C-alpha atoms as a PDB file:
ATOM      1  CA  UNK A   1      55.673  35.860 129.401  1.00  0.00           C
ATOM      2  CA  UNK A   2      57.722  32.958 130.735  1.00  0.00           C
ATOM      3  CA  UNK A   3      58.563  31.901 127.202  1.00  0.00           C
ATOM      4  CA  UNK A   4      59.905  35.377 126.441  1.00  0.00           C
ATOM      5  CA  UNK A   5      62.035  35.423 129.592  1.00  0.00           C
ATOM      6  CA  UNK A   6      63.315  31.925 128.811  1.00  0.00           C
ATOM      7  CA  UNK A   7      64.173  32.939 125.235  1.00  0.00           C
ATOM      8  CA  UNK A   8      66.038  36.032 126.408  1.00  0.00           C
ATOM      9  CA  UNK A   9      67.918  33.946 128.956  1.00  0.00           C
ATOM     10  CA  UNK A  10      68.957  31.453 126.292  1.00  0.00           C
ATOM     11  CA  UNK A  11      70.179  34.191 123.967  1.00  0.00           C
ATOM     12  CA  UNK A  12      72.188  35.817 126.758  1.00  0.00           C
ATOM     13  CA  UNK A  13      73.993  32.555 127.532  1.00  0.00           C
ATOM     14  CA  UNK A  14      74.529  31.418 123.942  1.00  0.00           C
ATOM     15  CA  UNK A  15      78.221  31.542 122.963  1.00  0.00           C
ATOM     16  CA  UNK A  16      77.721  30.828 119.249  1.00  0.00           C
ATOM     17  CA  UNK A  17      77.007  34.475 118.458  1.00  0.00           C
ATOM     18  CA  UNK A  18      80.273  35.577 120.079  1.00  0.00           C
ATOM     19  CA  UNK A  19      82.162  32.987 118.030  1.00  0.00           C
ATOM     20  CA  UNK A  20      80.508  34.213 114.833  1.00  0.00           C
ATOM     21  CA  UNK A  21      81.550  37.780 115.618  1.00  0.00           C
ATOM     22  CA  UNK A  22      85.128  36.655 116.263  1.00  0.00           C
ATOM     23  CA  UNK A  23      85.202  34.803 112.948  1.00  0.00           C
ATOM     24  CA  UNK A  24      83.846  37.927 111.270  1.00  0.00           C
ATOM     25  CA  UNK A  25      86.681  40.028 112.691  1.00  0.00           C
ATOM     26  CA  UNK A  26      89.267  37.459 111.600  1.00  0.00           C
ATOM     27  CA  UNK A  27      87.798  37.398 108.110  1.00  0.00           C
ATOM     28  CA  UNK A  28      87.814  41.201 107.948  1.00  0.00           C
ATOM     29  CA  UNK A  29      91.503  41.288 108.927  1.00  0.00           C
ATOM     30  CA  UNK A  30      92.335  38.697 106.271  1.00  0.00           C
ATOM     31  CA  UNK A  31      90.497  40.717 103.618  1.00  0.00           C
ATOM     32  CA  UNK A  32      92.319  43.907 104.647  1.00  0.00           C
ATOM     33  CA  UNK A  33      95.692  42.140 104.454  1.00  0.00           C
ATOM     34  CA  UNK A  34      94.817  40.780 101.010  1.00  0.00           C
ATOM     35  CA  UNK A  35      93.800  44.223  99.777  1.00  0.00           C
ATOM     36  CA  UNK A  36      97.030  45.775 101.045  1.00  0.00           C
ATOM     37  CA  UNK A  37      99.196  43.112  99.434  1.00  0.00           C
ATOM     38  CA  UNK A  38      97.312  43.270  96.134  1.00  0.00           C
ATOM     39  CA  UNK A  39      97.682  47.048  96.080  1.00  0.00           C
ATOM     40  CA  UNK A  40     101.416  46.677  96.590  1.00  0.00           C
ATOM     41  CA  UNK A  41     101.696  44.089  93.821  1.00  0.00           C
ATOM     42  CA  UNK A  42      99.598  46.261  91.503  1.00  0.00           C
ATOM     43  CA  UNK A  43     101.857  49.270  92.079  1.00  0.00           C
ATOM     44  CA  UNK A  44     104.996  47.220  91.428  1.00  0.00           C
ATOM     45  CA  UNK A  45     103.489  45.761  88.261  1.00  0.00           C
ATOM     46  CA  UNK A  46     102.464  49.203  87.048  1.00  0.00           C
ATOM     47  CA  UNK A  47     105.989  50.512  87.615  1.00  0.00           C
ATOM     48  CA  UNK A  48     107.490  47.490  85.839  1.00  0.00           C
ATOM     49  CA  UNK A  49     105.365  47.994  82.730  1.00  0.00           C
ATOM     50  CA  UNK A  50     106.121  51.722  82.821  1.00  0.00           C
ATOM     51  CA  UNK A  51     109.840  50.893  82.725  1.00  0.00           C
ATOM     52  CA  UNK A  52     109.282  48.486  79.828  1.00  0.00           C
ATOM     53  CA  UNK A  53     107.393  51.177  77.925  1.00  0.00           C
ATOM     54  CA  UNK A  54     110.161  53.720  78.490  1.00  0.00           C
ATOM     55  CA  UNK A  55     112.862  51.292  77.345  1.00  0.00           C
ATOM     56  CA  UNK A  56     110.929  50.296  74.232  1.00  0.00           C
ATOM     57  CA  UNK A  57     110.345  53.954  73.326  1.00  0.00           C
ATOM     58  CA  UNK A  58     114.012  54.754  73.894  1.00  0.00           C
ATOM     59  CA  UNK A  59     115.086  51.792  71.755  1.00  0.00           C
ATOM     60  CA  UNK A  60     112.816  52.747  68.877  1.00  0.00           C
ATOM     61  CA  UNK A  61     113.969  56.372  68.866  1.00  0.00           C
ATOM     62  CA  UNK A  62     117.671  55.622  68.565  1.00  0.00           C
END
């Protein structure tokens, strides 16, 4: 029983778990920022190639 109480006490006062959670939140924010920026770049690239397609089609029809 003392070993269990001692183990619980050690876990309650261990700061490494809190640090791991903080790093997890930071990593999640970085991933979200990357996804947002990649989505923006993908949309701009899609629009660019759409414009190229339209100009090529217009050039071949005239």
